[in-house]
Amino acid sequence: MKKGNKYLKSALIEAAHSVRGSKTYLGALYRRTASRKGKKRAGISVAHAILRISYYLLTRKEMYVDLGEDYFDKQKEQSIVRYSVRRLENLGYNVTITEPNAS
């Protein structure tokens, strides 16, 4: 992290660690980053995201809209499906994929 207000930094990191179990975009970001880089780096990453979100909300005078816990899964939906099918086929299953009913 770059130099900045140490009190703001500690408050943002504390807030970031508090969202780790929540079912929000920030909680998903924390868990995703923590699994790859560790808890401390995840806290810094989420604190930075909180700061960016705050900046954009204040400058654009908008309300916060959460992207949702499944944001990252939606981004990579096709690759997740291909990976899952390939794993099942490697285990000896025959897989047929059908589109869900739009109701």
N, C-alpha and C. Protein backbone atom coordinates (compact mmCIF):
# COMPACT_ATOMS: atom_id res chain seq x y z
N MET A 1 0.84 -1.19 0.00
CA MET A 1 0.00 0.00 0.00
C MET A 1 0.88 1.24 0.00
N LYS A 2 0.35 2.28 -0.58
CA LYS A 2 1.07 3.54 -0.60
C LYS A 2 0.84 4.26 0.72
N LYS A 3 1.62 5.31 0.94
CA LYS A 3 1.48 6.07 2.17
C LYS A 3 0.15 6.82 2.18
N GLY A 4 -0.41 6.92 3.35
CA GLY A 4 -1.68 7.61 3.50
C GLY A 4 -2.01 7.74 4.98
N ASN A 5 -3.21 8.11 5.28
CA ASN A 5 -3.65 8.30 6.65
C ASN A 5 -3.70 6.94 7.35
N LYS A 6 -2.89 6.76 8.39
CA LYS A 6 -2.81 5.46 9.05
C LYS A 6 -4.09 5.11 9.79
N TYR A 7 -4.83 6.11 10.24
CA TYR A 7 -6.08 5.85 10.94
C TYR A 7 -7.16 5.38 9.96
N LEU A 8 -7.20 6.00 8.80
CA LEU A 8 -8.14 5.57 7.77
C LEU A 8 -7.80 4.16 7.31
N LYS A 9 -6.52 3.89 7.13
CA LYS A 9 -6.07 2.57 6.69
C LYS A 9 -6.50 1.49 7.68
N SER A 10 -6.28 1.73 8.96
CA SER A 10 -6.63 0.71 9.96
C SER A 10 -8.14 0.53 10.05
N ALA A 11 -8.91 1.61 9.90
CA ALA A 11 -10.37 1.51 9.95
C ALA A 11 -10.89 0.73 8.74
N LEU A 12 -10.33 1.00 7.56
CA LEU A 12 -10.77 0.29 6.36
C LEU A 12 -10.42 -1.19 6.42
N ILE A 13 -9.24 -1.51 6.92
CA ILE A 13 -8.85 -2.92 7.02
C ILE A 13 -9.70 -3.65 8.04
N GLU A 14 -10.03 -2.98 9.14
CA GLU A 14 -10.91 -3.59 10.13
C GLU A 14 -12.29 -3.84 9.53
N ALA A 15 -12.79 -2.88 8.76
CA ALA A 15 -14.09 -3.06 8.10
C ALA A 15 -14.01 -4.20 7.07
N ALA A 16 -12.88 -4.30 6.39
CA ALA A 16 -12.71 -5.35 5.39
C ALA A 16 -12.73 -6.73 6.02
N HIS A 17 -12.09 -6.87 7.17
CA HIS A 17 -12.08 -8.17 7.85
C HIS A 17 -13.47 -8.52 8.39
N SER A 18 -14.29 -7.52 8.64
CA SER A 18 -15.62 -7.79 9.20
C SER A 18 -16.60 -8.29 8.14
N VAL A 19 -16.31 -8.09 6.85
CA VAL A 19 -17.24 -8.52 5.80
C VAL A 19 -16.92 -9.91 5.27
N ARG A 20 -15.95 -10.59 5.84
CA ARG A 20 -15.48 -11.85 5.26
C ARG A 20 -16.56 -12.93 5.20
N GLY A 21 -17.51 -12.92 6.10
CA GLY A 21 -18.54 -13.95 6.10
C GLY A 21 -19.85 -13.49 5.49
N SER A 22 -19.91 -12.24 5.06
CA SER A 22 -21.18 -11.71 4.55
C SER A 22 -21.46 -12.22 3.14
N LYS A 23 -22.72 -12.20 2.78
CA LYS A 23 -23.12 -12.67 1.45
C LYS A 23 -23.27 -11.46 0.53
N THR A 24 -22.17 -10.74 0.35
CA THR A 24 -22.14 -9.57 -0.52
C THR A 24 -20.97 -9.70 -1.47
N TYR A 25 -20.86 -8.73 -2.38
CA TYR A 25 -19.73 -8.69 -3.31
C TYR A 25 -18.41 -8.59 -2.54
N LEU A 26 -18.38 -7.74 -1.52
CA LEU A 26 -17.13 -7.56 -0.76
C LEU A 26 -16.76 -8.83 0.01
N GLY A 27 -17.74 -9.53 0.53
CA GLY A 27 -17.46 -10.80 1.21
C GLY A 27 -16.90 -11.83 0.24
N ALA A 28 -17.48 -11.88 -0.96
CA ALA A 28 -16.98 -12.81 -1.97
C ALA A 28 -15.58 -12.44 -2.41
N LEU A 29 -15.32 -11.13 -2.55
CA LEU A 29 -13.98 -10.67 -2.91
C LEU A 29 -12.97 -11.05 -1.84
N TYR A 30 -13.35 -10.90 -0.57
CA TYR A 30 -12.45 -11.27 0.53
C TYR A 30 -12.12 -12.76 0.49
N ARG A 31 -13.15 -13.59 0.38
CA ARG A 31 -12.92 -15.04 0.39
C ARG A 31 -12.10 -15.49 -0.82
N ARG A 32 -12.38 -14.89 -1.97
CA ARG A 32 -11.66 -15.24 -3.19
C ARG A 32 -10.19 -14.86 -3.08
N THR A 33 -9.91 -13.68 -2.56
CA THR A 33 -8.53 -13.22 -2.42
C THR A 33 -7.82 -13.97 -1.30
N ALA A 34 -8.51 -14.24 -0.21
CA ALA A 34 -7.89 -14.94 0.92
C ALA A 34 -7.48 -16.35 0.55
N SER A 35 -8.24 -16.99 -0.31
CA SER A 35 -7.89 -18.35 -0.69
C SER A 35 -6.63 -18.38 -1.54
N ARG A 36 -6.36 -17.31 -2.28
CA ARG A 36 -5.19 -17.28 -3.15
C ARG A 36 -3.99 -16.61 -2.51
N LYS A 37 -4.21 -15.54 -1.72
CA LYS A 37 -3.09 -14.72 -1.26
C LYS A 37 -2.98 -14.59 0.25
N GLY A 38 -3.96 -15.07 0.99
CA GLY A 38 -3.89 -14.98 2.44
C GLY A 38 -4.82 -13.92 3.00
N LYS A 39 -5.05 -14.00 4.32
CA LYS A 39 -6.03 -13.13 4.96
C LYS A 39 -5.60 -11.67 5.03
N LYS A 40 -4.33 -11.42 5.28
CA LYS A 40 -3.88 -10.03 5.37
C LYS A 40 -3.97 -9.32 4.03
N ARG A 41 -3.54 -9.99 2.97
CA ARG A 41 -3.62 -9.39 1.64
C ARG A 41 -5.06 -9.20 1.22
N ALA A 42 -5.92 -10.14 1.62
CA ALA A 42 -7.35 -10.02 1.30
C ALA A 42 -7.95 -8.80 2.01
N GLY A 43 -7.55 -8.59 3.26
CA GLY A 43 -8.03 -7.42 3.99
C GLY A 43 -7.64 -6.12 3.31
N ILE A 44 -6.41 -6.06 2.83
CA ILE A 44 -5.94 -4.85 2.14
C ILE A 44 -6.68 -4.67 0.82
N SER A 45 -6.89 -5.77 0.11
CA SER A 45 -7.59 -5.71 -1.17
C SER A 45 -9.03 -5.22 -1.00
N VAL A 46 -9.72 -5.75 -0.01
CA VAL A 46 -11.11 -5.35 0.22
C VAL A 46 -11.17 -3.92 0.76
N ALA A 47 -10.20 -3.53 1.60
CA ALA A 47 -10.15 -2.15 2.09
C ALA A 47 -10.00 -1.18 0.93
N HIS A 48 -9.17 -1.54 -0.03
CA HIS A 48 -8.98 -0.70 -1.21
C HIS A 48 -10.27 -0.63 -2.03
N ALA A 49 -10.98 -1.75 -2.13
CA ALA A 49 -12.25 -1.76 -2.86
C ALA A 49 -13.28 -0.88 -2.15
N ILE A 50 -13.31 -0.93 -0.82
CA ILE A 50 -14.23 -0.08 -0.05
C ILE A 50 -13.93 1.39 -0.31
N LEU A 51 -12.64 1.72 -0.32
CA LEU A 51 -12.24 3.11 -0.56
C LEU A 51 -12.63 3.57 -1.97
N ARG A 52 -12.43 2.71 -2.96
CA ARG A 52 -12.81 3.05 -4.34
C ARG A 52 -14.33 3.23 -4.44
N ILE A 53 -15.09 2.32 -3.83
CA ILE A 53 -16.55 2.41 -3.86
C ILE A 53 -17.00 3.72 -3.20
N SER A 54 -16.41 4.05 -2.05
CA SER A 54 -16.77 5.28 -1.34
C SER A 54 -16.49 6.51 -2.20
N TYR A 55 -15.34 6.51 -2.86
CA TYR A 55 -14.98 7.65 -3.72
C TYR A 55 -16.00 7.83 -4.84
N TYR A 56 -16.33 6.74 -5.52
CA TYR A 56 -17.27 6.86 -6.63
C TYR A 56 -18.67 7.24 -6.16
N LEU A 57 -19.08 6.75 -5.01
CA LEU A 57 -20.40 7.11 -4.49
C LEU A 57 -20.46 8.59 -4.14
N LEU A 58 -19.39 9.11 -3.56
CA LEU A 58 -19.37 10.52 -3.17
C LEU A 58 -19.24 11.45 -4.37
N THR A 59 -18.42 11.08 -5.36
CA THR A 59 -18.23 11.97 -6.51
C THR A 59 -19.40 11.93 -7.48
N ARG A 60 -20.05 10.79 -7.60
CA ARG A 60 -21.17 10.67 -8.53
C ARG A 60 -22.53 10.86 -7.88
N LYS A 61 -22.54 10.96 -6.55
CA LYS A 61 -23.77 11.15 -5.78
C LYS A 61 -24.80 10.08 -6.12
N GLU A 62 -24.37 8.84 -6.06
CA GLU A 62 -25.23 7.70 -6.34
C GLU A 62 -25.41 6.86 -5.10
N MET A 63 -26.41 5.97 -5.14
CA MET A 63 -26.62 5.01 -4.07
C MET A 63 -25.81 3.76 -4.38
N TYR A 64 -25.40 3.06 -3.33
CA TYR A 64 -24.61 1.84 -3.51
C TYR A 64 -25.51 0.69 -3.92
N VAL A 65 -25.13 -0.02 -4.97
CA VAL A 65 -25.84 -1.21 -5.43
C VAL A 65 -24.85 -2.36 -5.38
N ASP A 66 -25.13 -3.34 -4.52
CA ASP A 66 -24.23 -4.47 -4.36
C ASP A 66 -24.31 -5.39 -5.57
N LEU A 67 -23.16 -5.86 -6.04
CA LEU A 67 -23.12 -6.73 -7.21
C LEU A 67 -23.56 -8.15 -6.89
N GLY A 68 -23.52 -8.53 -5.63
CA GLY A 68 -23.99 -9.85 -5.22
C GLY A 68 -22.86 -10.83 -4.99
N GLU A 69 -23.16 -11.84 -4.19
CA GLU A 69 -22.16 -12.84 -3.83
C GLU A 69 -21.73 -13.68 -5.02
N ASP A 70 -22.62 -13.86 -6.00
CA ASP A 70 -22.30 -14.71 -7.14
C ASP A 70 -21.76 -13.93 -8.34
N TYR A 71 -21.29 -12.71 -8.13
CA TYR A 71 -20.78 -11.86 -9.21
C TYR A 71 -19.64 -12.54 -9.97
N PHE A 72 -18.69 -13.12 -9.25
CA PHE A 72 -17.54 -13.74 -9.89
C PHE A 72 -17.93 -15.03 -10.61
N ASP A 73 -18.91 -15.76 -10.08
CA ASP A 73 -19.39 -16.96 -10.76
C ASP A 73 -20.11 -16.60 -12.06
N LYS A 74 -20.88 -15.53 -12.05
CA LYS A 74 -21.58 -15.11 -13.26
C LYS A 74 -20.60 -14.70 -14.35
N GLN A 75 -19.48 -14.09 -13.94
CA GLN A 75 -18.48 -13.67 -14.92
C GLN A 75 -17.86 -14.87 -15.62
N LYS A 76 -17.66 -15.95 -14.90
CA LYS A 76 -16.97 -17.11 -15.45
C LYS A 76 -17.89 -18.31 -15.59
N GLU A 77 -19.16 -18.08 -15.86
CA GLU A 77 -20.15 -19.16 -15.88
C GLU A 77 -19.81 -20.24 -16.91
N GLN A 78 -19.46 -19.83 -18.13
CA GLN A 78 -19.18 -20.81 -19.18
C GLN A 78 -17.96 -21.66 -18.85
N SER A 79 -16.91 -21.04 -18.32
CA SER A 79 -15.71 -21.82 -18.00
C SER A 79 -15.97 -22.77 -16.83
N ILE A 80 -16.82 -22.38 -15.89
CA ILE A 80 -17.17 -23.26 -14.77
C ILE A 80 -17.93 -24.48 -15.29
N VAL A 81 -18.85 -24.27 -16.23
CA VAL A 81 -19.64 -25.38 -16.79
C VAL A 81 -18.72 -26.33 -17.55
N ARG A 82 -17.85 -25.79 -18.41
CA ARG A 82 -16.93 -26.64 -19.17
C ARG A 82 -16.03 -27.44 -18.24
N TYR A 83 -15.52 -26.81 -17.20
CA TYR A 83 -14.63 -27.48 -16.26
C TYR A 83 -15.37 -28.61 -15.53
N SER A 84 -16.60 -28.35 -15.10
CA SER A 84 -17.38 -29.36 -14.38
C SER A 84 -17.71 -30.55 -15.28
N VAL A 85 -18.08 -30.28 -16.54
CA VAL A 85 -18.40 -31.35 -17.48
C VAL A 85 -17.16 -32.20 -17.74
N ARG A 86 -16.03 -31.56 -17.95
CA ARG A 86 -14.79 -32.29 -18.21
C ARG A 86 -14.41 -33.18 -17.03
N ARG A 87 -14.59 -32.67 -15.81
CA ARG A 87 -14.27 -33.48 -14.63
C ARG A 87 -15.18 -34.69 -14.52
N LEU A 88 -16.48 -34.51 -14.77
CA LEU A 88 -17.41 -35.63 -14.70
C LEU A 88 -17.12 -36.66 -15.78
N GLU A 89 -16.78 -36.19 -16.99
CA GLU A 89 -16.46 -37.12 -18.07
C GLU A 89 -15.18 -37.89 -17.76
N ASN A 90 -14.23 -37.27 -17.12
CA ASN A 90 -13.00 -37.97 -16.73
C ASN A 90 -13.27 -39.03 -15.67
N LEU A 91 -14.35 -38.86 -14.91
CA LEU A 91 -14.72 -39.87 -13.91
C LEU A 91 -15.57 -40.98 -14.52
N GLY A 92 -15.92 -40.86 -15.81
CA GLY A 92 -16.64 -41.93 -16.49
C GLY A 92 -18.12 -41.68 -16.68
N TYR A 93 -18.61 -40.49 -16.40
CA TYR A 93 -20.04 -40.18 -16.57
C TYR A 93 -20.29 -39.62 -17.96
N ASN A 94 -21.49 -39.87 -18.48
CA ASN A 94 -21.95 -39.23 -19.71
C ASN A 94 -22.78 -38.02 -19.31
N VAL A 95 -22.39 -36.86 -19.81
CA VAL A 95 -23.03 -35.62 -19.36
C VAL A 95 -23.76 -34.98 -20.54
N THR A 96 -25.02 -34.59 -20.31
CA THR A 96 -25.80 -33.85 -21.27
C THR A 96 -26.28 -32.58 -20.59
N ILE A 97 -26.01 -31.45 -21.20
CA ILE A 97 -26.37 -30.16 -20.60
C ILE A 97 -27.59 -29.61 -21.34
N THR A 98 -28.60 -29.21 -20.55
CA THR A 98 -29.78 -28.56 -21.11
C THR A 98 -29.92 -27.20 -20.44
N GLU A 99 -30.48 -26.27 -21.17
CA GLU A 99 -30.71 -24.91 -20.65
C GLU A 99 -31.84 -24.95 -19.62
N PRO A 100 -31.74 -24.16 -18.55
CA PRO A 100 -32.82 -24.12 -17.57
C PRO A 100 -34.05 -23.45 -18.17
N ASN A 101 -35.21 -23.86 -17.67
CA ASN A 101 -36.48 -23.27 -18.14
C ASN A 101 -36.58 -21.85 -17.65
N ALA A 102 -36.93 -20.95 -18.54
CA ALA A 102 -37.12 -19.54 -18.17
C ALA A 102 -38.56 -19.34 -17.75
N SER A 103 -38.83 -19.42 -16.44
CA SER A 103 -40.20 -19.23 -15.96
C SER A 103 -40.28 -18.16 -14.95
